[in-house]
């Protein structure tokens, strides 16, 4: 985003309500992104952690992912040191498509091609300005519905349904 420019993200493609969460490794960057979003009129629910004390990322990842999957929020944002662990946890929730994005290309593709509904950022790898640009691009990019991308997202959803129905294997 250009220096001094302030875009309004509210209502962009229906993104009005966002849930955000981080473990201790993403706590500081999360606070700055919450302010960034609120300054642009986006309603943000901070689902934790609320201190820099060590905590477990699966718990926070689940809270945000479940809130998005249940439809309580349009999208979710998660942060941990690398982004990898919290993304793994979030992707265990049916209906969640969480993608770790380290640059604008990743942000755009995760939305346009994969209909990602949870953005995951690695807090140790990104400066605040980089993270804000990635977040802004991710929120502004629509899903390219129809064609091969929509077909693939439907295939992912079918896999989730199949896995939920499958009984544990006997050992």
Protein backbone atom coordinates (compact mmCIF):
# COMPACT_ATOMS: atom_id res chain seq x y z
CA UNK A 1 0.00 0.00 0.00
CA UNK A 2 1.31 3.48 -0.84
CA UNK A 3 2.60 5.51 2.06
CA UNK A 4 -0.18 7.68 3.41
CA UNK A 5 -2.88 5.88 1.44
CA UNK A 6 -5.76 4.55 3.51
CA UNK A 7 -8.12 2.28 1.70
CA UNK A 8 -11.39 1.15 3.17
CA UNK A 9 -11.54 -2.63 3.27
CA UNK A 10 -14.99 -2.70 4.85
CA UNK A 11 -17.44 -4.33 2.52
CA UNK A 12 -14.71 -5.38 0.09
CA UNK A 13 -16.14 -8.53 -1.42
CA UNK A 14 -18.35 -8.94 1.64
CA UNK A 15 -15.45 -8.96 4.12
CA UNK A 16 -16.87 -7.12 7.10
CA UNK A 17 -16.02 -9.37 10.05
CA UNK A 18 -12.65 -10.99 10.60
CA UNK A 19 -11.46 -13.26 13.41
CA UNK A 20 -7.77 -13.05 14.26
CA UNK A 21 -5.56 -15.11 16.53
CA UNK A 22 -1.92 -15.78 17.27
CA UNK A 23 0.29 -17.68 19.62
CA UNK A 24 3.00 -15.88 21.60
CA UNK A 25 5.24 -15.78 18.52
CA UNK A 26 2.70 -13.77 16.56
CA UNK A 27 1.29 -11.72 19.44
CA UNK A 28 3.07 -8.41 18.68
CA UNK A 29 2.38 -8.48 14.93
CA UNK A 30 -1.25 -9.46 15.57
CA UNK A 31 -1.76 -6.31 17.66
CA UNK A 32 -0.49 -4.14 14.80
CA UNK A 33 -2.69 -5.91 12.24
CA UNK A 34 -5.76 -5.54 14.45
CA UNK A 35 -5.13 -1.78 14.54
CA UNK A 36 -4.51 -1.75 10.76
CA UNK A 37 -7.85 -3.45 10.09
CA UNK A 38 -9.88 -1.41 12.57
CA UNK A 39 -8.48 1.83 11.15
CA UNK A 40 -9.97 0.73 7.83
CA UNK A 41 -13.41 -0.02 9.24
CA UNK A 42 -13.17 -3.80 9.46
CA UNK A 43 -14.79 -5.40 12.50
CA UNK A 44 -12.14 -7.57 14.16
CA UNK A 45 -12.57 -10.17 16.88
CA UNK A 46 -9.28 -10.95 18.62
CA UNK A 47 -9.57 -14.58 19.74
CA UNK A 48 -6.20 -14.70 21.48
CA UNK A 49 -3.65 -14.99 22.74
CA UNK A 50 -3.84 -11.83 24.80
CA UNK A 51 -0.30 -11.79 26.17
CA UNK A 52 3.22 -12.62 25.02
CA UNK A 53 3.40 -15.55 27.47
CA UNK A 54 4.08 -18.89 25.77
CA UNK A 55 0.93 -20.70 24.67
CA UNK A 56 -0.01 -23.54 22.36
CA UNK A 57 -0.83 -22.58 18.77
CA UNK A 58 -3.28 -25.46 18.09
CA UNK A 59 -5.79 -24.01 20.57
CA UNK A 60 -5.73 -20.56 18.98
CA UNK A 61 -5.73 -21.97 15.46
CA UNK A 62 -8.79 -24.05 16.25
CA UNK A 63 -10.68 -21.09 17.78
CA UNK A 64 -10.27 -18.93 14.68
CA UNK A 65 -10.81 -21.78 12.20
CA UNK A 66 -13.98 -22.97 13.95
CA UNK A 67 -15.36 -19.43 14.08
CA UNK A 68 -14.87 -19.07 10.32
CA UNK A 69 -16.20 -22.56 9.52
CA UNK A 70 -19.31 -21.88 11.62
CA UNK A 71 -19.96 -18.70 9.61
CA UNK A 72 -19.50 -16.30 12.51
CA UNK A 73 -16.81 -14.43 10.55
CA UNK A 74 -16.21 -13.82 6.86
CA UNK A 75 -12.53 -14.70 7.10
CA UNK A 76 -9.81 -15.55 9.61
CA UNK A 77 -6.22 -14.51 10.17
CA UNK A 78 -3.68 -16.54 12.13
CA UNK A 79 -0.09 -15.90 13.13
CA UNK A 80 2.69 -17.91 14.71
CA UNK A 81 6.45 -17.74 14.30
CA UNK A 82 6.58 -19.61 10.98
CA UNK A 83 2.87 -19.88 10.20
CA UNK A 84 3.22 -23.58 9.52
CA UNK A 85 2.07 -25.14 12.78
CA UNK A 86 -0.99 -22.97 13.24
CA UNK A 87 -1.96 -23.57 9.58
CA UNK A 88 -1.78 -27.33 10.11
CA UNK A 89 -4.07 -27.00 13.14
CA UNK A 90 -6.55 -24.73 11.33
CA UNK A 91 -6.76 -27.04 8.33
CA UNK A 92 -8.05 -29.85 10.56
CA UNK A 93 -11.36 -27.97 10.83
CA UNK A 94 -13.75 -29.02 8.04
CA UNK A 95 -14.56 -26.14 5.71
CA UNK A 96 -11.37 -24.26 6.45
CA UNK A 97 -8.83 -23.59 3.74
CA UNK A 98 -5.91 -21.95 5.53
CA UNK A 99 -2.89 -20.89 3.52
CA UNK A 100 0.49 -19.65 4.71
CA UNK A 101 1.32 -16.54 2.70
CA UNK A 102 4.76 -14.96 2.70
CA UNK A 103 4.29 -12.52 -0.17
CA UNK A 104 1.67 -10.86 -2.38
CA UNK A 105 1.74 -13.69 -4.93
CA UNK A 106 0.86 -16.25 -2.24
CA UNK A 107 -1.93 -14.02 -0.90
CA UNK A 108 -3.49 -13.50 -4.31
CA UNK A 109 -3.25 -17.12 -5.39
CA UNK A 110 -4.55 -18.50 -2.10
CA UNK A 111 -7.72 -16.47 -2.59
CA UNK A 112 -8.13 -16.54 -6.38
CA UNK A 113 -7.30 -20.21 -6.92
CA UNK A 114 -7.98 -21.89 -3.56
CA UNK A 115 -10.71 -19.72 -2.01
CA UNK A 116 -8.65 -19.60 1.19
CA UNK A 117 -10.79 -18.38 4.06
CA UNK A 118 -7.99 -18.21 6.64
CA UNK A 119 -4.78 -16.27 6.03
CA UNK A 120 -1.74 -17.52 7.94
CA UNK A 121 1.33 -15.35 8.44
CA UNK A 122 4.77 -16.24 9.77
CA UNK A 123 5.51 -13.44 12.22
CA UNK A 124 9.26 -14.05 12.36
CA UNK A 125 9.58 -13.67 8.60
CA UNK A 126 7.56 -10.50 8.00
CA UNK A 127 7.88 -6.85 8.88
CA UNK A 128 4.67 -5.02 9.79
CA UNK A 129 4.44 -3.23 6.43
CA UNK A 130 4.89 -6.49 4.51
CA UNK A 131 2.27 -8.27 6.59
CA UNK A 132 -0.18 -5.39 6.11
CA UNK A 133 0.30 -5.45 2.32
CA UNK A 134 -0.20 -9.22 2.24
CA UNK A 135 -3.33 -8.91 4.38
CA UNK A 136 -4.75 -6.13 2.25
CA UNK A 137 -4.15 -8.04 -1.00
CA UNK A 138 -5.64 -11.21 0.50
CA UNK A 139 -8.81 -9.44 1.64
CA UNK A 140 -9.23 -7.67 -1.70
CA UNK A 141 -8.73 -10.71 -3.96
CA UNK A 142 -11.88 -12.51 -5.06
CA UNK A 143 -12.14 -16.22 -5.70
CA UNK A 144 -12.14 -17.05 -9.42
CA UNK A 145 -15.35 -19.04 -9.28
CA UNK A 146 -16.22 -21.37 -12.10
CA UNK A 147 -13.86 -23.52 -14.06
CA UNK A 148 -10.96 -25.50 -12.73
CA UNK A 149 -10.46 -23.59 -9.47
CA UNK A 150 -14.02 -24.04 -8.31
CA UNK A 151 -13.93 -27.70 -9.34
CA UNK A 152 -10.80 -28.23 -7.24
CA UNK A 153 -12.24 -26.49 -4.18
CA UNK A 154 -15.33 -28.73 -4.50
CA UNK A 155 -13.00 -31.75 -4.65
CA UNK A 156 -11.35 -30.63 -1.40
CA UNK A 157 -14.78 -30.33 0.23
CA UNK A 158 -15.69 -33.82 -1.01
CA UNK A 159 -12.50 -35.22 0.53
CA UNK A 160 -13.44 -33.60 3.85
CA UNK A 161 -16.91 -35.18 3.73
CA UNK A 162 -15.41 -38.58 2.89
CA UNK A 163 -12.93 -38.39 5.75
CA UNK A 164 -15.68 -37.39 8.23
CA UNK A 165 -17.75 -40.43 7.21
CA UNK A 166 -14.84 -42.87 7.31
CA UNK A 167 -14.63 -45.09 10.34
CA UNK A 168 -11.27 -45.53 12.02
CA UNK A 169 -9.35 -48.52 10.69
CA UNK A 170 -9.04 -51.53 12.91
CA UNK A 171 -5.53 -52.42 14.04
